[in-house]
Amino acid sequence: LNRLLQTPTAEKPLVLQVGSRVLFDQA
């Protein structure tokens, strides 16, 4: 995942966070 997110030409996956909005806002 890190490699995909760091590679400028790679197709980026959709990453969804499921859980508390507070936790999402923190990190």
mmCIF file of all heavy atoms, coordinates in Angstrom:
data_MODEL
# 
_entry.id   MODEL 
# 
loop_
_atom_site.group_PDB 
_atom_site.id 
_atom_site.type_symbol 
_atom_site.label_atom_id 
_atom_site.label_alt_id 
_atom_site.label_comp_id 
_atom_site.label_asym_id 
_atom_site.label_entity_id 
_atom_site.label_seq_id 
_atom_site.pdbx_PDB_ins_code 
_atom_site.Cartn_x 
_atom_site.Cartn_y 
_atom_site.Cartn_z 
_atom_site.occupancy 
_atom_site.B_iso_or_equiv 
_atom_site.pdbx_formal_charge 
_atom_site.auth_seq_id 
_atom_site.auth_comp_id 
_atom_site.auth_asym_id 
_atom_site.auth_atom_id 
_atom_site.pdbx_PDB_model_num 
ATOM 1   N N   . LEU A 1 1  ? 0.836   -1.201 0.000   1.00 0.00 ? 1  LEU A N   1 
ATOM 2   C CA  . LEU A 1 1  ? 0.000   0.000  0.000   1.00 0.00 ? 1  LEU A CA  1 
ATOM 3   C C   . LEU A 1 1  ? 0.869   1.248  0.000   1.00 0.00 ? 1  LEU A C   1 
ATOM 4   O O   . LEU A 1 1  ? 0.633   2.175  -0.777  1.00 0.00 ? 1  LEU A O   1 
ATOM 5   C CB  . LEU A 1 1  ? -0.924  0.014  1.216   1.00 0.00 ? 1  LEU A CB  1 
ATOM 6   C CG  . LEU A 1 1  ? -1.688  1.323  1.441   1.00 0.00 ? 1  LEU A CG  1 
ATOM 7   C CD1 . LEU A 1 1  ? -2.607  1.627  0.271   1.00 0.00 ? 1  LEU A CD1 1 
ATOM 8   C CD2 . LEU A 1 1  ? -2.450  1.277  2.744   1.00 0.00 ? 1  LEU A CD2 1 
ATOM 9   N N   . ASN A 1 2  ? 1.874   1.279  0.851   1.00 0.00 ? 2  ASN A N   1 
ATOM 10  C CA  . ASN A 1 2  ? 2.764   2.430  0.914   1.00 0.00 ? 2  ASN A CA  1 
ATOM 11  C C   . ASN A 1 2  ? 3.434   2.671  -0.440  1.00 0.00 ? 2  ASN A C   1 
ATOM 12  O O   . ASN A 1 2  ? 3.525   3.798  -0.908  1.00 0.00 ? 2  ASN A O   1 
ATOM 13  C CB  . ASN A 1 2  ? 3.818   2.235  2.005   1.00 0.00 ? 2  ASN A CB  1 
ATOM 14  C CG  . ASN A 1 2  ? 4.641   3.470  2.223   1.00 0.00 ? 2  ASN A CG  1 
ATOM 15  O OD1 . ASN A 1 2  ? 4.117   4.580  2.250   1.00 0.00 ? 2  ASN A OD1 1 
ATOM 16  N ND2 . ASN A 1 2  ? 5.937   3.288  2.378   1.00 0.00 ? 2  ASN A ND2 1 
ATOM 17  N N   . ARG A 1 3  ? 3.886   1.589  -1.076  1.00 0.00 ? 3  ARG A N   1 
ATOM 18  C CA  . ARG A 1 3  ? 4.530   1.715  -2.393  1.00 0.00 ? 3  ARG A CA  1 
ATOM 19  C C   . ARG A 1 3  ? 3.550   2.290  -3.421  1.00 0.00 ? 3  ARG A C   1 
ATOM 20  O O   . ARG A 1 3  ? 3.893   3.189  -4.178  1.00 0.00 ? 3  ARG A O   1 
ATOM 21  C CB  . ARG A 1 3  ? 5.053   0.358  -2.855  1.00 0.00 ? 3  ARG A CB  1 
ATOM 22  C CG  . ARG A 1 3  ? 5.812   0.429  -4.179  1.00 0.00 ? 3  ARG A CG  1 
ATOM 23  C CD  . ARG A 1 3  ? 6.217   -0.951 -4.679  1.00 0.00 ? 3  ARG A CD  1 
ATOM 24  N NE  . ARG A 1 3  ? 5.133   -1.914 -4.734  1.00 0.00 ? 3  ARG A NE  1 
ATOM 25  C CZ  . ARG A 1 3  ? 4.167   -1.925 -5.662  1.00 0.00 ? 3  ARG A CZ  1 
ATOM 26  N NH1 . ARG A 1 3  ? 4.145   -1.017 -6.601  1.00 0.00 ? 3  ARG A NH1 1 
ATOM 27  N NH2 . ARG A 1 3  ? 3.232   -2.850 -5.645  1.00 0.00 ? 3  ARG A NH2 1 
ATOM 28  N N   . LEU A 1 4  ? 2.321   1.792  -3.415  1.00 0.00 ? 4  LEU A N   1 
ATOM 29  C CA  . LEU A 1 4  ? 1.313   2.309  -4.345  1.00 0.00 ? 4  LEU A CA  1 
ATOM 30  C C   . LEU A 1 4  ? 1.030   3.790  -4.112  1.00 0.00 ? 4  LEU A C   1 
ATOM 31  O O   . LEU A 1 4  ? 0.900   4.566  -5.064  1.00 0.00 ? 4  LEU A O   1 
ATOM 32  C CB  . LEU A 1 4  ? 0.001   1.539  -4.202  1.00 0.00 ? 4  LEU A CB  1 
ATOM 33  C CG  . LEU A 1 4  ? -0.081  0.184  -4.864  1.00 0.00 ? 4  LEU A CG  1 
ATOM 34  C CD1 . LEU A 1 4  ? -1.369  -0.519 -4.467  1.00 0.00 ? 4  LEU A CD1 1 
ATOM 35  C CD2 . LEU A 1 4  ? 0.012   0.309  -6.356  1.00 0.00 ? 4  LEU A CD2 1 
ATOM 36  N N   . LEU A 1 5  ? 0.924   4.172  -2.843  1.00 0.00 ? 5  LEU A N   1 
ATOM 37  C CA  . LEU A 1 5  ? 0.624   5.569  -2.529  1.00 0.00 ? 5  LEU A CA  1 
ATOM 38  C C   . LEU A 1 5  ? 1.792   6.494  -2.838  1.00 0.00 ? 5  LEU A C   1 
ATOM 39  O O   . LEU A 1 5  ? 1.591   7.669  -3.137  1.00 0.00 ? 5  LEU A O   1 
ATOM 40  C CB  . LEU A 1 5  ? 0.221   5.698  -1.056  1.00 0.00 ? 5  LEU A CB  1 
ATOM 41  C CG  . LEU A 1 5  ? -1.080  4.999  -0.668  1.00 0.00 ? 5  LEU A CG  1 
ATOM 42  C CD1 . LEU A 1 5  ? -1.301  5.095  0.831   1.00 0.00 ? 5  LEU A CD1 1 
ATOM 43  C CD2 . LEU A 1 5  ? -2.260  5.560  -1.428  1.00 0.00 ? 5  LEU A CD2 1 
ATOM 44  N N   . GLN A 1 6  ? 3.015   5.981  -2.807  1.00 0.00 ? 6  GLN A N   1 
ATOM 45  C CA  . GLN A 1 6  ? 4.200   6.794  -3.060  1.00 0.00 ? 6  GLN A CA  1 
ATOM 46  C C   . GLN A 1 6  ? 4.566   6.876  -4.539  1.00 0.00 ? 6  GLN A C   1 
ATOM 47  O O   . GLN A 1 6  ? 5.280   7.790  -4.947  1.00 0.00 ? 6  GLN A O   1 
ATOM 48  C CB  . GLN A 1 6  ? 5.408   6.237  -2.284  1.00 0.00 ? 6  GLN A CB  1 
ATOM 49  C CG  . GLN A 1 6  ? 5.231   6.204  -0.793  1.00 0.00 ? 6  GLN A CG  1 
ATOM 50  C CD  . GLN A 1 6  ? 5.168   7.590  -0.176  1.00 0.00 ? 6  GLN A CD  1 
ATOM 51  O OE1 . GLN A 1 6  ? 5.773   8.516  -0.671  1.00 0.00 ? 6  GLN A OE1 1 
ATOM 52  N NE2 . GLN A 1 6  ? 4.418   7.724  0.901   1.00 0.00 ? 6  GLN A NE2 1 
ATOM 53  N N   . THR A 1 7  ? 4.107   5.938  -5.354  1.00 0.00 ? 7  THR A N   1 
ATOM 54  C CA  . THR A 1 7  ? 4.459   5.914  -6.778  1.00 0.00 ? 7  THR A CA  1 
ATOM 55  C C   . THR A 1 7  ? 3.568   6.888  -7.542  1.00 0.00 ? 7  THR A C   1 
ATOM 56  O O   . THR A 1 7  ? 2.350   6.720  -7.585  1.00 0.00 ? 7  THR A O   1 
ATOM 57  C CB  . THR A 1 7  ? 4.285   4.487  -7.345  1.00 0.00 ? 7  THR A CB  1 
ATOM 58  O OG1 . THR A 1 7  ? 5.050   3.592  -6.564  1.00 0.00 ? 7  THR A OG1 1 
ATOM 59  C CG2 . THR A 1 7  ? 4.730   4.424  -8.794  1.00 0.00 ? 7  THR A CG2 1 
ATOM 60  N N   . PRO A 1 8  ? 4.177   7.916  -8.162  1.00 0.00 ? 8  PRO A N   1 
ATOM 61  C CA  . PRO A 1 8  ? 3.367   8.942  -8.838  1.00 0.00 ? 8  PRO A CA  1 
ATOM 62  C C   . PRO A 1 8  ? 2.531   8.414  -10.006 1.00 0.00 ? 8  PRO A C   1 
ATOM 63  O O   . PRO A 1 8  ? 1.448   8.912  -10.261 1.00 0.00 ? 8  PRO A O   1 
ATOM 64  C CB  . PRO A 1 8  ? 4.391   9.958  -9.346  1.00 0.00 ? 8  PRO A CB  1 
ATOM 65  C CG  . PRO A 1 8  ? 5.708   9.559  -8.800  1.00 0.00 ? 8  PRO A CG  1 
ATOM 66  C CD  . PRO A 1 8  ? 5.596   8.194  -8.229  1.00 0.00 ? 8  PRO A CD  1 
ATOM 67  N N   . THR A 1 9  ? 3.014   7.396  -10.708 1.00 0.00 ? 9  THR A N   1 
ATOM 68  C CA  . THR A 1 9  ? 2.303   6.919  -11.897 1.00 0.00 ? 9  THR A CA  1 
ATOM 69  C C   . THR A 1 9  ? 1.350   5.765  -11.624 1.00 0.00 ? 9  THR A C   1 
ATOM 70  O O   . THR A 1 9  ? 0.595   5.378  -12.495 1.00 0.00 ? 9  THR A O   1 
ATOM 71  C CB  . THR A 1 9  ? 3.319   6.473  -12.966 1.00 0.00 ? 9  THR A CB  1 
ATOM 72  O OG1 . THR A 1 9  ? 4.159   5.456  -12.397 1.00 0.00 ? 9  THR A OG1 1 
ATOM 73  C CG2 . THR A 1 9  ? 4.161   7.644  -13.442 1.00 0.00 ? 9  THR A CG2 1 
ATOM 74  N N   . ALA A 1 10 ? 1.373   5.219  -10.412 1.00 0.00 ? 10 ALA A N   1 
ATOM 75  C CA  . ALA A 1 10 ? 0.511   4.077  -10.090 1.00 0.00 ? 10 ALA A CA  1 
ATOM 76  C C   . ALA A 1 10 ? -0.933  4.529  -9.910  1.00 0.00 ? 10 ALA A C   1 
ATOM 77  O O   . ALA A 1 10 ? -1.206  5.632  -9.456  1.00 0.00 ? 10 ALA A O   1 
ATOM 78  C CB  . ALA A 1 10 ? 0.989   3.397  -8.810  1.00 0.00 ? 10 ALA A CB  1 
ATOM 79  N N   . GLU A 1 11 ? -1.862  3.638  -10.278 1.00 0.00 ? 11 GLU A N   1 
ATOM 80  C CA  . GLU A 1 11 ? -3.275  3.910  -10.025 1.00 0.00 ? 11 GLU A CA  1 
ATOM 81  C C   . GLU A 1 11 ? -3.494  3.841  -8.518  1.00 0.00 ? 11 GLU A C   1 
ATOM 82  O O   . GLU A 1 11 ? -3.120  2.867  -7.866  1.00 0.00 ? 11 GLU A O   1 
ATOM 83  C CB  . GLU A 1 11 ? -4.143  2.881  -10.727 1.00 0.00 ? 11 GLU A CB  1 
ATOM 84  C CG  . GLU A 1 11 ? -5.616  3.131  -10.559 1.00 0.00 ? 11 GLU A CG  1 
ATOM 85  C CD  . GLU A 1 11 ? -6.462  2.129  -11.320 1.00 0.00 ? 11 GLU A CD  1 
ATOM 86  O OE1 . GLU A 1 11 ? -5.943  1.415  -12.166 1.00 0.00 ? 11 GLU A OE1 1 
ATOM 87  O OE2 . GLU A 1 11 ? -7.666  2.093  -11.041 1.00 0.00 ? 11 GLU A OE2 1 
ATOM 88  N N   . LYS A 1 12 ? -4.065  4.893  -7.956  1.00 0.00 ? 12 LYS A N   1 
ATOM 89  C CA  . LYS A 1 12 ? -4.244  4.978  -6.507  1.00 0.00 ? 12 LYS A CA  1 
ATOM 90  C C   . LYS A 1 12 ? -5.508  4.240  -6.083  1.00 0.00 ? 12 LYS A C   1 
ATOM 91  O O   . LYS A 1 12 ? -6.577  4.431  -6.652  1.00 0.00 ? 12 LYS A O   1 
ATOM 92  C CB  . LYS A 1 12 ? -4.345  6.437  -6.045  1.00 0.00 ? 12 LYS A CB  1 
ATOM 93  C CG  . LYS A 1 12 ? -3.167  7.296  -6.454  1.00 0.00 ? 12 LYS A CG  1 
ATOM 94  C CD  . LYS A 1 12 ? -1.894  6.867  -5.778  1.00 0.00 ? 12 LYS A CD  1 
ATOM 95  C CE  . LYS A 1 12 ? -0.781  7.827  -6.088  1.00 0.00 ? 12 LYS A CE  1 
ATOM 96  N NZ  . LYS A 1 12 ? 0.364   7.268  -6.693  1.00 0.00 ? 12 LYS A NZ  1 
ATOM 97  N N   . PRO A 1 13 ? -5.395  3.389  -5.063  1.00 0.00 ? 13 PRO A N   1 
ATOM 98  C CA  . PRO A 1 13 ? -6.589  2.705  -4.556  1.00 0.00 ? 13 PRO A CA  1 
ATOM 99  C C   . PRO A 1 13 ? -7.435  3.670  -3.735  1.00 0.00 ? 13 PRO A C   1 
ATOM 100 O O   . PRO A 1 13 ? -6.924  4.646  -3.181  1.00 0.00 ? 13 PRO A O   1 
ATOM 101 C CB  . PRO A 1 13 ? -6.002  1.611  -3.665  1.00 0.00 ? 13 PRO A CB  1 
ATOM 102 C CG  . PRO A 1 13 ? -4.685  2.159  -3.224  1.00 0.00 ? 13 PRO A CG  1 
ATOM 103 C CD  . PRO A 1 13 ? -4.187  3.005  -4.365  1.00 0.00 ? 13 PRO A CD  1 
ATOM 104 N N   . LEU A 1 14 ? -8.715  3.404  -3.672  1.00 0.00 ? 14 LEU A N   1 
ATOM 105 C CA  . LEU A 1 14 ? -9.605  4.173  -2.816  1.00 0.00 ? 14 LEU A CA  1 
ATOM 106 C C   . LEU A 1 14 ? -9.493  3.598  -1.411  1.00 0.00 ? 14 LEU A C   1 
ATOM 107 O O   . LEU A 1 14 ? -9.739  2.422  -1.193  1.00 0.00 ? 14 LEU A O   1 
ATOM 108 C CB  . LEU A 1 14 ? -11.048 4.081  -3.306  1.00 0.00 ? 14 LEU A CB  1 
ATOM 109 C CG  . LEU A 1 14 ? -12.109 4.705  -2.389  1.00 0.00 ? 14 LEU A CG  1 
ATOM 110 C CD1 . LEU A 1 14 ? -11.857 6.203  -2.226  1.00 0.00 ? 14 LEU A CD1 1 
ATOM 111 C CD2 . LEU A 1 14 ? -13.494 4.451  -2.947  1.00 0.00 ? 14 LEU A CD2 1 
ATOM 112 N N   . VAL A 1 15 ? -9.087  4.423  -0.463  1.00 0.00 ? 15 VAL A N   1 
ATOM 113 C CA  . VAL A 1 15 ? -8.931  3.998  0.924   1.00 0.00 ? 15 VAL A CA  1 
ATOM 114 C C   . VAL A 1 15 ? -10.046 4.635  1.742   1.00 0.00 ? 15 VAL A C   1 
ATOM 115 O O   . VAL A 1 15 ? -10.174 5.855  1.769   1.00 0.00 ? 15 VAL A O   1 
ATOM 116 C CB  . VAL A 1 15 ? -7.550  4.409  1.488   1.00 0.00 ? 15 VAL A CB  1 
ATOM 117 C CG1 . VAL A 1 15 ? -7.415  3.969  2.939   1.00 0.00 ? 15 VAL A CG1 1 
ATOM 118 C CG2 . VAL A 1 15 ? -6.433  3.843  0.642   1.00 0.00 ? 15 VAL A CG2 1 
ATOM 119 N N   . LEU A 1 16 ? -10.872 3.803  2.358   1.00 0.00 ? 16 LEU A N   1 
ATOM 120 C CA  . LEU A 1 16 ? -11.981 4.285  3.173   1.00 0.00 ? 16 LEU A CA  1 
ATOM 121 C C   . LEU A 1 16 ? -11.695 4.008  4.637   1.00 0.00 ? 16 LEU A C   1 
ATOM 122 O O   . LEU A 1 16 ? -11.248 2.922  4.988   1.00 0.00 ? 16 LEU A O   1 
ATOM 123 C CB  . LEU A 1 16 ? -13.281 3.578  2.779   1.00 0.00 ? 16 LEU A CB  1 
ATOM 124 C CG  . LEU A 1 16 ? -13.730 3.754  1.340   1.00 0.00 ? 16 LEU A CG  1 
ATOM 125 C CD1 . LEU A 1 16 ? -14.935 2.882  1.063   1.00 0.00 ? 16 LEU A CD1 1 
ATOM 126 C CD2 . LEU A 1 16 ? -14.031 5.205  1.050   1.00 0.00 ? 16 LEU A CD2 1 
ATOM 127 N N   . GLN A 1 17 ? -11.968 4.979  5.478   1.00 0.00 ? 17 GLN A N   1 
ATOM 128 C CA  . GLN A 1 17 ? -11.861 4.780  6.929   1.00 0.00 ? 17 GLN A CA  1 
ATOM 129 C C   . GLN A 1 17 ? -13.267 4.618  7.477   1.00 0.00 ? 17 GLN A C   1 
ATOM 130 O O   . GLN A 1 17 ? -14.131 5.464  7.265   1.00 0.00 ? 17 GLN A O   1 
ATOM 131 C CB  . GLN A 1 17 ? -11.189 5.964  7.607   1.00 0.00 ? 17 GLN A CB  1 
ATOM 132 C CG  . GLN A 1 17 ? -11.357 5.911  9.103   1.00 0.00 ? 17 GLN A CG  1 
ATOM 133 C CD  . GLN A 1 17 ? -10.078 6.077  9.863   1.00 0.00 ? 17 GLN A CD  1 
ATOM 134 O OE1 . GLN A 1 17 ? -9.042  6.310  9.291   1.00 0.00 ? 17 GLN A OE1 1 
ATOM 135 N NE2 . GLN A 1 17 ? -10.167 5.965  11.155  1.00 0.00 ? 17 GLN A NE2 1 
ATOM 136 N N   . VAL A 1 18 ? -13.490 3.515  8.151   1.00 0.00 ? 18 VAL A N   1 
ATOM 137 C CA  . VAL A 1 18 ? -14.769 3.244  8.788   1.00 0.00 ? 18 VAL A CA  1 
ATOM 138 C C   . VAL A 1 18 ? -14.550 3.335  10.288  1.00 0.00 ? 18 VAL A C   1 
ATOM 139 O O   . VAL A 1 18 ? -13.680 2.670  10.830  1.00 0.00 ? 18 VAL A O   1 
ATOM 140 C CB  . VAL A 1 18 ? -15.286 1.835  8.415   1.00 0.00 ? 18 VAL A CB  1 
ATOM 141 C CG1 . VAL A 1 18 ? -16.580 1.531  9.136   1.00 0.00 ? 18 VAL A CG1 1 
ATOM 142 C CG2 . VAL A 1 18 ? -15.448 1.720  6.912   1.00 0.00 ? 18 VAL A CG2 1 
ATOM 143 N N   . GLY A 1 19 ? -15.318 4.171  10.944  1.00 0.00 ? 19 GLY A N   1 
ATOM 144 C CA  . GLY A 1 19 ? -15.170 4.322  12.390  1.00 0.00 ? 19 GLY A CA  1 
ATOM 145 C C   . GLY A 1 19 ? -15.547 5.723  12.829  1.00 0.00 ? 19 GLY A C   1 
ATOM 146 O O   . GLY A 1 19 ? -16.337 6.408  12.187  1.00 0.00 ? 19 GLY A O   1 
ATOM 147 N N   . SER A 1 20 ? -14.947 6.135  13.895  1.00 0.00 ? 20 SER A N   1 
ATOM 148 C CA  . SER A 1 20 ? -15.249 7.426  14.504  1.00 0.00 ? 20 SER A CA  1 
ATOM 149 C C   . SER A 1 20 ? -14.673 8.585  13.693  1.00 0.00 ? 20 SER A C   1 
ATOM 150 O O   . SER A 1 20 ? -13.525 8.539  13.259  1.00 0.00 ? 20 SER A O   1 
ATOM 151 C CB  . SER A 1 20 ? -14.658 7.447  15.918  1.00 0.00 ? 20 SER A CB  1 
ATOM 152 O OG  . SER A 1 20 ? -14.601 8.756  16.408  1.00 0.00 ? 20 SER A OG  1 
ATOM 153 N N   . ARG A 1 21 ? -15.463 9.639  13.514  1.00 0.00 ? 21 ARG A N   1 
ATOM 154 C CA  . ARG A 1 21 ? -14.994 10.837 12.818  1.00 0.00 ? 21 ARG A CA  1 
ATOM 155 C C   . ARG A 1 21 ? -13.854 11.492 13.604  1.00 0.00 ? 21 ARG A C   1 
ATOM 156 O O   . ARG A 1 21 ? -12.918 12.015 13.023  1.00 0.00 ? 21 ARG A O   1 
ATOM 157 C CB  . ARG A 1 21 ? -16.151 11.825 12.619  1.00 0.00 ? 21 ARG A CB  1 
ATOM 158 C CG  . ARG A 1 21 ? -15.777 13.106 11.942  1.00 0.00 ? 21 ARG A CG  1 
ATOM 159 C CD  . ARG A 1 21 ? -15.375 12.816 10.516  1.00 0.00 ? 21 ARG A CD  1 
ATOM 160 N NE  . ARG A 1 21 ? -14.984 14.020 9.821   1.00 0.00 ? 21 ARG A NE  1 
ATOM 161 C CZ  . ARG A 1 21 ? -14.880 14.113 8.538   1.00 0.00 ? 21 ARG A CZ  1 
ATOM 162 N NH1 . ARG A 1 21 ? -15.142 13.077 7.774   1.00 0.00 ? 21 ARG A NH1 1 
ATOM 163 N NH2 . ARG A 1 21 ? -14.508 15.212 7.956   1.00 0.00 ? 21 ARG A NH2 1 
ATOM 164 N N   . VAL A 1 22 ? -13.940 11.426 14.928  1.00 0.00 ? 22 VAL A N   1 
ATOM 165 C CA  . VAL A 1 22 ? -12.894 12.013 15.779  1.00 0.00 ? 22 VAL A CA  1 
ATOM 166 C C   . VAL A 1 22 ? -11.550 11.330 15.501  1.00 0.00 ? 22 VAL A C   1 
ATOM 167 O O   . VAL A 1 22 ? -10.526 11.996 15.344  1.00 0.00 ? 22 VAL A O   1 
ATOM 168 C CB  . VAL A 1 22 ? -13.273 11.901 17.272  1.00 0.00 ? 22 VAL A CB  1 
ATOM 169 C CG1 . VAL A 1 22 ? -12.131 12.338 18.165  1.00 0.00 ? 22 VAL A CG1 1 
ATOM 170 C CG2 . VAL A 1 22 ? -14.525 12.712 17.559  1.00 0.00 ? 22 VAL A CG2 1 
ATOM 171 N N   . LEU A 1 23 ? -11.551 10.003 15.415  1.00 0.00 ? 23 LEU A N   1 
ATOM 172 C CA  . LEU A 1 23 ? -10.314 9.281  15.130  1.00 0.00 ? 23 LEU A CA  1 
ATOM 173 C C   . LEU A 1 23 ? -9.786  9.621  13.737  1.00 0.00 ? 23 LEU A C   1 
ATOM 174 O O   . LEU A 1 23 ? -8.588  9.761  13.540  1.00 0.00 ? 23 LEU A O   1 
ATOM 175 C CB  . LEU A 1 23 ? -10.524 7.776  15.256  1.00 0.00 ? 23 LEU A CB  1 
ATOM 176 C CG  . LEU A 1 23 ? -10.836 7.265  16.656  1.00 0.00 ? 23 LEU A CG  1 
ATOM 177 C CD1 . LEU A 1 23 ? -11.066 5.764  16.634  1.00 0.00 ? 23 LEU A CD1 1 
ATOM 178 C CD2 . LEU A 1 23 ? -9.734  7.640  17.618  1.00 0.00 ? 23 LEU A CD2 1 
ATOM 179 N N   . PHE A 1 24 ? -10.683 9.742  12.771  1.00 0.00 ? 24 PHE A N   1 
ATOM 180 C CA  . PHE A 1 24 ? -10.268 10.115 11.414  1.00 0.00 ? 24 PHE A CA  1 
ATOM 181 C C   . PHE A 1 24 ? -9.622  11.498 11.425  1.00 0.00 ? 24 PHE A C   1 
ATOM 182 O O   . PHE A 1 24 ? -8.597  11.709 10.788  1.00 0.00 ? 24 PHE A O   1 
ATOM 183 C CB  . PHE A 1 24 ? -11.471 10.101 10.468  1.00 0.00 ? 24 PHE A CB  1 
ATOM 184 C CG  . PHE A 1 24 ? -11.119 10.492 9.055   1.00 0.00 ? 24 PHE A CG  1 
ATOM 185 C CD1 . PHE A 1 24 ? -10.535 9.576  8.197   1.00 0.00 ? 24 PHE A CD1 1 
ATOM 186 C CD2 . PHE A 1 24 ? -11.378 11.771 8.592   1.00 0.00 ? 24 PHE A CD2 1 
ATOM 187 C CE1 . PHE A 1 24 ? -10.212 9.930  6.889   1.00 0.00 ? 24 PHE A CE1 1 
ATOM 188 C CE2 . PHE A 1 24 ? -11.063 12.134 7.297   1.00 0.00 ? 24 PHE A CE2 1 
ATOM 189 C CZ  . PHE A 1 24 ? -10.483 11.213 6.442   1.00 0.00 ? 24 PHE A CZ  1 
ATOM 190 N N   . ASP A 1 25 ? -10.219 12.430 12.162  1.00 0.00 ? 25 ASP A N   1 
ATOM 191 C CA  . ASP A 1 25 ? -9.667  13.786 12.230  1.00 0.00 ? 25 ASP A CA  1 
ATOM 192 C C   . ASP A 1 25 ? -8.308  13.808 12.922  1.00 0.00 ? 25 ASP A C   1 
ATOM 193 O O   . ASP A 1 25 ? -7.460  14.638 12.599  1.00 0.00 ? 25 ASP A O   1 
ATOM 194 C CB  . ASP A 1 25 ? -10.637 14.727 12.948  1.00 0.00 ? 25 ASP A CB  1 
ATOM 195 C CG  . ASP A 1 25 ? -11.889 15.007 12.130  1.00 0.00 ? 25 ASP A CG  1 
ATOM 196 O OD1 . ASP A 1 25 ? -11.865 14.797 10.892  1.00 0.00 ? 25 ASP A OD1 1 
ATOM 197 O OD2 . ASP A 1 25 ? -12.899 15.421 12.730  1.00 0.00 ? 25 ASP A OD2 1 
ATOM 198 N N   . GLN A 1 26 ? -8.084  12.881 13.851  1.00 0.00 ? 26 GLN A N   1 
ATOM 199 C CA  . GLN A 1 26 ? -6.808  12.839 14.572  1.00 0.00 ? 26 GLN A CA  1 
ATOM 200 C C   . GLN A 1 26 ? -5.683  12.262 13.718  1.00 0.00 ? 26 GLN A C   1 
ATOM 201 O O   . GLN A 1 26 ? -4.567  12.767 13.744  1.00 0.00 ? 26 GLN A O   1 
ATOM 202 C CB  . GLN A 1 26 ? -6.942  12.019 15.849  1.00 0.00 ? 26 GLN A CB  1 
ATOM 203 C CG  . GLN A 1 26 ? -7.770  12.693 16.905  1.00 0.00 ? 26 GLN A CG  1 
ATOM 204 C CD  . GLN A 1 26 ? -7.966  11.806 18.122  1.00 0.00 ? 26 GLN A CD  1 
ATOM 205 O OE1 . GLN A 1 26 ? -7.575  10.643 18.150  1.00 0.00 ? 26 GLN A OE1 1 
ATOM 206 N NE2 . GLN A 1 26 ? -8.594  12.370 19.140  1.00 0.00 ? 26 GLN A NE2 1 
ATOM 207 N N   . ALA A 1 27 ? -5.957  11.203 12.982  1.00 0.00 ? 27 ALA A N   1 
ATOM 208 C CA  . ALA A 1 27 ? -4.926  10.554 12.157  1.00 0.00 ? 27 ALA A CA  1 
ATOM 209 C C   . ALA A 1 27 ? -5.591  9.644  11.141  1.00 0.00 ? 27 ALA A C   1 
ATOM 210 O O   . ALA A 1 27 ? -6.528  8.924  11.468  1.00 0.00 ? 27 ALA A O   1 
ATOM 211 C CB  . ALA A 1 27 ? -3.989  9.739  13.033  1.00 0.00 ? 27 ALA A CB  1 
# 
